[in-house]
Amino acid sequence: MSKEPLTQRQNRAYDFIEDYLDRHRKPPTLQEIGDALGISSTNGVYKLLRKLEQKGWIEREKHKARSIELTDQEQDQFGMAGGPPSLPIVSRTPSDQPERLRDRPVGTLTVDYKLLRGADNPADCLLGRAGDDGMNEAGINKGDLLLIEEMDWDDLENQTLVAVLLQDQLLARRYEFANRKIHLRPAAAHYAEDTFSPTDSDHYVVGRVLGLLRSL
């Protein structure tokens, strides 16, 4: 279903509904939407929801107080239709055996589907811990849990932040392909750049880094 652009007010309403669904696992009532947006009449909320429905952002079942659903396209894209997505946390994996990345995860973690908004295919996402401080000047520290979307190295754009296996370490680096070589550049000045042929088994580019999770 194609979606039409939202006005600022409609966007506020959609964001509230989306956040409410995420927190409560059920849709808000008309009264709750009105209270959140400062709309005094339920008729005003009804008209706003009708616009969201006409523009393809929500679906509603008539004569039910809590009948609002995000469109199937939105729910399926981020895994919400089956509950929050659960991603594998990869263990130490040799760079010449990348097929083992998903075979023996050290665990799984259920994440907010909003974290996967930037993914082309959420099913290709996984988690892994940064193995060094080579990108700490870019805000990534050793031990941070990286959210990674698996992608072939030749599908990546230069300067993409990537996760890469260097032998059996998972590291974050800035990717560039030049002069028929893959260049993996750290942000920390005291770390050296690594350069490889695409066929070199000492490295394997897992994919792009979408974000990170950190314990405080």
Protein backbone atom coordinates (compact mmCIF):
# COMPACT_ATOMS: atom_id res chain seq x y z
CA MET A 1 0.00 0.00 0.00
CA SER A 2 1.41 3.37 -0.98
CA LYS A 3 1.42 6.09 1.65
CA GLU A 4 0.78 9.77 1.24
CA PRO A 5 2.82 12.39 3.11
CA LEU A 6 1.57 13.49 6.52
CA THR A 7 1.08 16.99 7.85
CA GLN A 8 2.92 17.95 11.02
CA ARG A 9 -0.15 17.30 13.17
CA GLN A 10 -0.87 13.98 11.48
CA ASN A 11 2.75 12.96 11.99
CA ARG A 12 2.49 13.77 15.72
CA ALA A 13 -0.61 11.59 15.94
CA TYR A 14 1.06 8.71 14.11
CA ASP A 15 4.18 8.92 16.31
CA PHE A 16 2.03 8.84 19.44
CA ILE A 17 0.13 5.76 18.22
CA GLU A 18 3.36 4.03 17.23
CA ASP A 19 4.99 4.73 20.61
CA TYR A 20 1.86 3.68 22.50
CA LEU A 21 1.69 0.37 20.62
CA ASP A 22 5.36 -0.23 21.33
CA ARG A 23 4.99 0.44 25.07
CA HIS A 24 1.59 -1.13 25.77
CA ARG A 25 1.21 -3.70 22.98
CA LYS A 26 -2.31 -2.39 22.36
CA PRO A 27 -3.62 0.73 20.57
CA PRO A 28 -4.67 3.89 22.40
CA THR A 29 -8.28 5.02 22.76
CA LEU A 30 -9.63 8.16 21.12
CA GLN A 31 -9.57 9.85 24.53
CA GLU A 32 -5.90 8.99 25.08
CA ILE A 33 -4.96 10.32 21.66
CA GLY A 34 -6.90 13.51 22.27
CA ASP A 35 -5.26 14.03 25.69
CA ALA A 36 -1.79 13.51 24.22
CA LEU A 37 -2.33 15.90 21.31
CA GLY A 38 -4.44 18.51 23.08
CA ILE A 39 -7.59 17.76 21.07
CA SER A 40 -10.67 18.33 23.25
CA SER A 41 -13.31 16.54 21.16
CA THR A 42 -13.38 12.89 20.17
CA ASN A 43 -14.80 14.01 16.83
CA GLY A 44 -11.58 15.94 16.17
CA VAL A 45 -9.53 12.80 16.95
CA TYR A 46 -11.81 10.73 14.71
CA LYS A 47 -11.23 13.09 11.78
CA LEU A 48 -7.46 12.94 12.35
CA LEU A 49 -7.48 9.14 12.38
CA ARG A 50 -9.59 9.07 9.25
CA LYS A 51 -6.91 11.10 7.48
CA LEU A 52 -4.20 8.71 8.64
CA GLU A 53 -6.30 5.82 7.35
CA GLN A 54 -7.01 7.49 4.01
CA LYS A 55 -3.30 8.16 3.56
CA GLY A 56 -2.44 4.51 4.19
CA TRP A 57 -0.68 4.74 7.55
CA ILE A 58 -3.19 2.98 9.81
CA GLU A 59 -6.10 0.54 9.61
CA ARG A 60 -9.17 0.57 11.85
CA GLU A 61 -12.11 -1.70 12.55
CA LYS A 62 -15.37 0.15 12.96
CA HIS A 63 -17.23 0.33 16.28
CA LYS A 64 -14.26 -0.77 18.42
CA ALA A 65 -12.61 1.48 21.00
CA ARG A 66 -9.10 0.09 20.48
CA SER A 67 -9.12 -0.84 16.81
CA ILE A 68 -6.11 1.06 15.45
CA GLU A 69 -3.38 -0.91 13.75
CA LEU A 70 -0.36 0.19 11.78
CA THR A 71 -0.65 -0.96 8.20
CA ASP A 72 0.58 -4.48 7.48
CA GLN A 73 3.45 -3.09 5.44
CA GLU A 74 4.72 -1.14 8.42
CA GLN A 75 4.31 -3.97 10.90
CA ASP A 76 5.84 -6.67 8.74
CA GLN A 77 8.79 -4.54 7.74
CA PHE A 78 10.02 -4.21 11.32
CA GLY A 79 8.83 -7.53 12.73
CA MET A 80 6.07 -6.04 14.84
CA ALA A 81 3.35 -8.34 13.55
CA GLY A 82 5.05 -11.27 15.30
CA GLY A 83 6.23 -9.31 18.32
CA PRO A 84 9.55 -7.55 18.87
CA PRO A 85 12.37 -9.04 16.77
CA SER A 86 14.94 -11.27 18.49
CA LEU A 87 18.47 -11.00 17.04
CA PRO A 88 21.38 -13.44 17.49
CA ILE A 89 24.48 -12.24 19.31
CA VAL A 90 27.39 -13.71 17.39
CA SER A 91 30.33 -15.40 19.07
CA ARG A 92 34.00 -15.22 18.10
CA THR A 93 34.07 -16.50 14.54
CA PRO A 94 37.10 -17.03 12.27
CA SER A 95 37.16 -14.75 9.24
CA ASP A 96 37.55 -17.74 6.92
CA GLN A 97 34.38 -19.37 8.30
CA PRO A 98 31.76 -16.59 8.10
CA GLU A 99 28.99 -19.14 7.59
CA ARG A 100 29.32 -19.92 11.33
CA LEU A 101 28.22 -16.41 12.35
CA ARG A 102 24.60 -17.45 12.91
CA ASP A 103 25.24 -21.12 13.67
CA ARG A 104 26.39 -20.83 17.27
CA PRO A 105 25.34 -17.49 18.75
CA VAL A 106 26.22 -16.80 22.38
CA GLY A 107 22.62 -15.72 22.92
CA THR A 108 19.80 -13.64 21.50
CA LEU A 109 18.44 -10.22 22.36
CA THR A 110 14.96 -8.85 21.76
CA VAL A 111 15.23 -5.30 20.41
CA ASP A 112 12.88 -2.43 19.71
CA TYR A 113 11.77 -2.74 16.08
CA LYS A 114 12.51 0.99 15.66
CA LEU A 115 16.23 0.17 15.79
CA LEU A 116 15.81 -1.65 12.48
CA ARG A 117 14.34 1.30 10.59
CA GLY A 118 17.57 1.85 8.68
CA ALA A 119 17.85 -1.76 7.53
CA ASP A 120 17.12 -2.76 3.95
CA ASN A 121 16.16 -6.21 5.25
CA PRO A 122 15.68 -6.60 9.04
CA ALA A 123 16.01 -10.38 8.68
CA ASP A 124 19.68 -9.86 7.82
CA CYS A 125 20.44 -8.10 11.12
CA LEU A 126 22.45 -9.49 14.01
CA LEU A 127 24.44 -8.27 17.01
CA GLY A 128 28.13 -8.54 17.86
CA ARG A 129 30.51 -6.97 20.37
CA ALA A 130 33.17 -4.52 19.22
CA GLY A 131 36.52 -6.18 19.85
CA ASP A 132 38.69 -3.09 20.27
CA ASP A 133 38.72 0.69 20.74
CA GLY A 134 39.76 1.43 17.18
CA MET A 135 36.61 3.52 16.62
CA ASN A 136 36.34 5.14 20.05
CA GLU A 137 36.82 8.60 18.56
CA ALA A 138 33.65 7.88 16.55
CA GLY A 139 31.75 6.92 19.72
CA ILE A 140 32.24 3.13 19.60
CA ASN A 141 34.03 1.49 22.53
CA LYS A 142 35.36 -2.01 23.05
CA GLY A 143 32.51 -4.20 24.29
CA ASP A 144 29.72 -2.15 22.72
CA LEU A 145 27.06 -4.32 21.12
CA LEU A 146 26.95 -3.44 17.42
CA LEU A 147 23.73 -3.71 15.43
CA ILE A 148 24.84 -5.05 12.06
CA GLU A 149 23.04 -5.65 8.78
CA GLU A 150 24.81 -8.38 6.81
CA MET A 151 25.74 -7.17 3.32
CA ASP A 152 28.22 -8.16 0.62
CA TRP A 153 31.28 -5.93 0.65
CA ASP A 154 30.78 -4.87 -2.97
CA ASP A 155 27.29 -3.55 -2.13
CA LEU A 156 28.70 -1.09 0.40
CA GLU A 157 29.39 2.56 -0.32
CA ASN A 158 32.74 4.09 0.53
CA GLN A 159 32.93 5.63 4.03
CA THR A 160 30.26 3.26 5.36
CA LEU A 161 30.77 2.21 8.97
CA VAL A 162 31.13 -1.56 8.85
CA ALA A 163 31.64 -4.56 11.09
CA VAL A 164 34.46 -6.81 9.97
CA LEU A 165 36.03 -10.05 11.11
CA LEU A 166 39.81 -9.73 11.32
CA GLN A 167 40.86 -13.32 11.92
CA ASP A 168 38.57 -14.05 14.91
CA GLN A 169 37.96 -10.51 16.16
CA LEU A 170 34.82 -8.53 15.31
CA LEU A 171 35.76 -4.88 14.79
CA ALA A 172 34.09 -1.69 13.63
CA ARG A 173 35.89 0.26 10.91
CA ARG A 174 35.27 2.82 8.16
CA TYR A 175 35.13 1.01 4.80
CA GLU A 176 36.60 2.12 1.50
CA PHE A 177 37.27 0.22 -1.71
CA ALA A 178 40.04 1.77 -3.82
CA ASN A 179 42.78 0.49 -6.10
CA ARG A 180 41.23 -2.99 -6.03
CA LYS A 181 41.79 -3.17 -2.28
CA ILE A 182 39.49 -3.04 0.74
CA HIS A 183 40.68 -0.40 3.19
CA LEU A 184 39.47 -0.60 6.79
CA ARG A 185 40.17 2.66 8.56
CA PRO A 186 40.01 3.20 12.34
CA ALA A 187 39.05 6.51 13.94
CA ALA A 188 41.59 6.28 16.76
CA ALA A 189 44.96 7.76 15.79
CA HIS A 190 47.01 5.02 17.50
CA TYR A 191 45.34 2.24 15.46
CA ALA A 192 46.67 1.32 12.02
CA GLU A 193 44.65 1.03 8.83
CA ASP A 194 44.21 -2.50 7.46
CA THR A 195 44.27 -3.15 3.72
CA PHE A 196 43.24 -6.41 2.09
CA SER A 197 42.54 -8.00 -1.24
CA PRO A 198 38.83 -8.91 -1.48
CA THR A 199 39.85 -12.60 -1.64
CA ASP A 200 42.07 -12.50 1.47
CA SER A 201 40.75 -14.95 4.08
CA ASP A 202 42.26 -13.00 7.00
CA HIS A 203 39.30 -10.63 6.87
CA TYR A 204 35.59 -10.78 6.19
CA VAL A 205 33.30 -7.75 5.94
CA VAL A 206 30.11 -8.74 7.77
CA GLY A 207 28.08 -5.69 6.78
CA ARG A 208 27.18 -2.16 7.79
CA VAL A 209 26.75 -0.96 11.35
CA LEU A 210 23.29 0.52 11.95
CA GLY A 211 23.78 1.45 15.60
CA LEU A 212 24.99 0.19 18.96
CA LEU A 213 23.73 -0.81 22.39
CA ARG A 214 25.72 0.01 25.51
CA SER A 215 25.33 -0.89 29.15
CA LEU A 216 25.52 2.12 31.46
